[in-house]
């Protein structure tokens, strides 16, 4: 599955795991991307969007 939201362009970001001894190792933060059928410009289309955009009603789900 694509790891980018087609509405807000949210994608994977990088950071560090920090242990108790303060050792740092690399990690990734992945957005919660869902593939849904949405109505865009009057047409039904399958899009990959993050759950934050879905909850904010930035697209209307096709029924």
N, C-alpha and C. Protein backbone atom coordinates (compact mmCIF):
# COMPACT_ATOMS: atom_id res chain seq x y z
N UNK A 1 0.84 -1.18 0.00
CA UNK A 1 0.00 0.00 0.00
C UNK A 1 0.89 1.24 0.00
N UNK A 2 0.42 2.27 -0.68
CA UNK A 2 1.15 3.52 -0.74
C UNK A 2 1.25 4.13 0.66
N UNK A 3 2.35 4.78 0.95
CA UNK A 3 2.52 5.36 2.28
C UNK A 3 2.46 6.88 2.21
N UNK A 4 1.56 7.39 1.37
CA UNK A 4 1.34 8.83 1.26
C UNK A 4 -0.15 9.11 1.10
N UNK A 5 -0.63 10.09 1.84
CA UNK A 5 -2.03 10.49 1.74
C UNK A 5 -2.19 11.34 0.48
N UNK A 6 -3.20 11.03 -0.32
CA UNK A 6 -3.42 11.76 -1.57
C UNK A 6 -4.08 13.12 -1.34
N UNK A 7 -4.58 13.36 -0.15
CA UNK A 7 -5.23 14.63 0.16
C UNK A 7 -4.25 15.62 0.78
N UNK A 8 -3.57 15.21 1.87
CA UNK A 8 -2.70 16.14 2.59
C UNK A 8 -1.21 15.85 2.38
N UNK A 9 -0.87 14.84 1.57
CA UNK A 9 0.52 14.44 1.29
C UNK A 9 1.31 14.06 2.53
N UNK A 10 0.62 13.56 3.57
CA UNK A 10 1.33 13.06 4.75
C UNK A 10 2.06 11.78 4.36
N UNK A 11 3.32 11.64 4.78
CA UNK A 11 4.11 10.47 4.43
C UNK A 11 4.98 10.03 5.61
N UNK A 12 5.81 9.03 5.38
CA UNK A 12 6.67 8.50 6.43
C UNK A 12 7.63 9.58 6.91
N UNK A 13 7.78 9.70 8.25
CA UNK A 13 8.79 10.59 8.81
C UNK A 13 9.73 9.76 9.66
N UNK A 14 10.90 10.29 9.93
CA UNK A 14 11.95 9.54 10.61
C UNK A 14 12.28 10.16 11.95
N UNK A 15 12.73 9.33 12.87
CA UNK A 15 13.11 9.79 14.19
C UNK A 15 14.00 8.76 14.85
N UNK A 16 14.03 8.77 16.18
CA UNK A 16 14.89 7.86 16.93
C UNK A 16 14.11 7.19 18.05
N UNK A 17 14.41 5.89 18.27
CA UNK A 17 14.02 5.23 19.50
C UNK A 17 15.06 5.64 20.54
N UNK A 18 14.63 6.00 21.73
CA UNK A 18 15.57 6.40 22.78
C UNK A 18 15.40 5.43 23.94
N UNK A 19 16.47 4.71 24.26
CA UNK A 19 16.41 3.73 25.35
C UNK A 19 16.61 4.41 26.70
N UNK A 20 16.48 3.63 27.76
CA UNK A 20 16.68 4.16 29.12
C UNK A 20 18.09 4.71 29.31
N UNK A 21 19.07 4.05 28.66
CA UNK A 21 20.45 4.52 28.75
C UNK A 21 20.74 5.64 27.75
N UNK A 22 19.71 6.11 27.08
CA UNK A 22 19.74 7.22 26.11
C UNK A 22 20.49 6.87 24.82
N UNK A 23 20.58 5.56 24.50
CA UNK A 23 21.10 5.17 23.20
C UNK A 23 20.01 5.41 22.17
N UNK A 24 20.38 5.89 21.00
CA UNK A 24 19.40 6.22 19.97
C UNK A 24 19.57 5.28 18.77
N UNK A 25 18.45 4.73 18.32
CA UNK A 25 18.42 3.94 17.10
C UNK A 25 17.35 4.52 16.19
N UNK A 26 17.54 4.34 14.91
CA UNK A 26 16.63 4.93 13.93
C UNK A 26 15.28 4.20 13.91
N UNK A 27 14.22 4.93 13.63
CA UNK A 27 12.88 4.37 13.49
C UNK A 27 12.08 5.21 12.52
N UNK A 28 10.93 4.69 12.10
CA UNK A 28 10.05 5.42 11.20
C UNK A 28 8.69 5.60 11.85
N UNK A 29 8.04 6.70 11.51
CA UNK A 29 6.68 6.98 11.92
C UNK A 29 5.83 6.91 10.66
N UNK A 30 4.90 5.94 10.60
CA UNK A 30 4.10 5.74 9.41
C UNK A 30 2.68 6.26 9.63
N UNK A 31 2.12 6.97 8.66
CA UNK A 31 0.74 7.43 8.79
C UNK A 31 -0.22 6.26 8.59
N UNK A 32 -1.41 6.39 9.17
CA UNK A 32 -2.44 5.35 9.05
C UNK A 32 -3.20 5.58 7.74
N UNK A 33 -2.75 4.91 6.68
CA UNK A 33 -3.30 5.10 5.35
C UNK A 33 -4.34 4.02 5.07
N UNK A 34 -5.51 4.43 4.58
CA UNK A 34 -6.59 3.52 4.22
C UNK A 34 -6.95 3.72 2.76
N UNK A 35 -7.25 2.62 2.07
CA UNK A 35 -7.71 2.71 0.68
C UNK A 35 -9.24 2.69 0.71
N UNK A 36 -9.86 3.77 0.24
CA UNK A 36 -11.32 3.86 0.26
C UNK A 36 -11.83 4.28 -1.12
N UNK A 37 -13.13 4.05 -1.33
CA UNK A 37 -13.81 4.55 -2.53
C UNK A 37 -14.42 5.88 -2.15
N UNK A 38 -14.00 6.93 -2.85
CA UNK A 38 -14.47 8.28 -2.51
C UNK A 38 -15.02 8.96 -3.76
N UNK A 39 -15.91 9.91 -3.52
CA UNK A 39 -16.47 10.70 -4.61
C UNK A 39 -15.64 11.96 -4.75
N UNK A 40 -14.91 12.07 -5.86
CA UNK A 40 -14.04 13.22 -6.12
C UNK A 40 -14.45 13.82 -7.46
N UNK A 41 -14.81 15.10 -7.44
CA UNK A 41 -15.29 15.82 -8.62
C UNK A 41 -16.46 15.10 -9.30
N UNK A 42 -17.35 14.52 -8.48
CA UNK A 42 -18.53 13.85 -9.00
C UNK A 42 -18.30 12.44 -9.50
N UNK A 43 -17.06 11.95 -9.48
CA UNK A 43 -16.75 10.60 -9.93
C UNK A 43 -16.26 9.76 -8.76
N UNK A 44 -16.58 8.48 -8.79
CA UNK A 44 -16.13 7.57 -7.74
C UNK A 44 -14.74 7.06 -8.11
N UNK A 45 -13.83 7.15 -7.14
CA UNK A 45 -12.43 6.81 -7.38
C UNK A 45 -11.86 6.16 -6.13
N UNK A 46 -10.94 5.19 -6.28
CA UNK A 46 -10.25 4.62 -5.13
C UNK A 46 -9.06 5.50 -4.80
N UNK A 47 -8.97 5.92 -3.54
CA UNK A 47 -7.89 6.80 -3.12
C UNK A 47 -7.28 6.29 -1.82
N UNK A 48 -6.01 6.60 -1.62
CA UNK A 48 -5.31 6.30 -0.37
C UNK A 48 -5.28 7.57 0.45
N UNK A 49 -5.99 7.56 1.60
CA UNK A 49 -6.01 8.75 2.45
C UNK A 49 -5.73 8.35 3.89
N UNK A 50 -5.23 9.29 4.67
CA UNK A 50 -4.95 9.02 6.07
C UNK A 50 -6.26 9.12 6.87
N UNK A 51 -6.28 8.51 8.03
CA UNK A 51 -7.49 8.48 8.84
C UNK A 51 -7.83 9.86 9.38
N UNK A 52 -6.85 10.74 9.51
CA UNK A 52 -7.12 12.10 9.98
C UNK A 52 -7.96 12.86 8.95
N UNK A 53 -7.66 12.70 7.66
CA UNK A 53 -8.46 13.33 6.61
C UNK A 53 -9.84 12.69 6.51
N UNK A 54 -9.90 11.38 6.72
CA UNK A 54 -11.18 10.67 6.68
C UNK A 54 -12.08 11.14 7.81
N UNK A 55 -11.53 11.31 9.01
CA UNK A 55 -12.30 11.76 10.16
C UNK A 55 -12.73 13.21 10.02
N UNK A 56 -11.92 14.03 9.35
CA UNK A 56 -12.22 15.45 9.17
C UNK A 56 -13.17 15.69 7.99
N UNK A 57 -13.64 14.63 7.35
CA UNK A 57 -14.57 14.71 6.20
C UNK A 57 -14.00 15.54 5.06
N UNK A 58 -12.72 15.38 4.78
CA UNK A 58 -12.11 16.08 3.63
C UNK A 58 -12.51 15.41 2.32
N UNK A 59 -12.99 14.17 2.38
CA UNK A 59 -13.55 13.49 1.21
C UNK A 59 -14.88 12.86 1.64
N UNK A 60 -15.74 12.61 0.66
CA UNK A 60 -17.00 11.93 0.96
C UNK A 60 -16.88 10.50 0.46
N UNK A 61 -17.16 9.54 1.34
CA UNK A 61 -17.09 8.13 0.97
C UNK A 61 -18.23 7.79 0.02
N UNK A 62 -17.91 6.98 -0.98
CA UNK A 62 -18.93 6.50 -1.92
C UNK A 62 -19.67 5.34 -1.29
N UNK A 63 -20.97 5.34 -1.43
CA UNK A 63 -21.77 4.28 -0.81
C UNK A 63 -22.09 3.19 -1.79
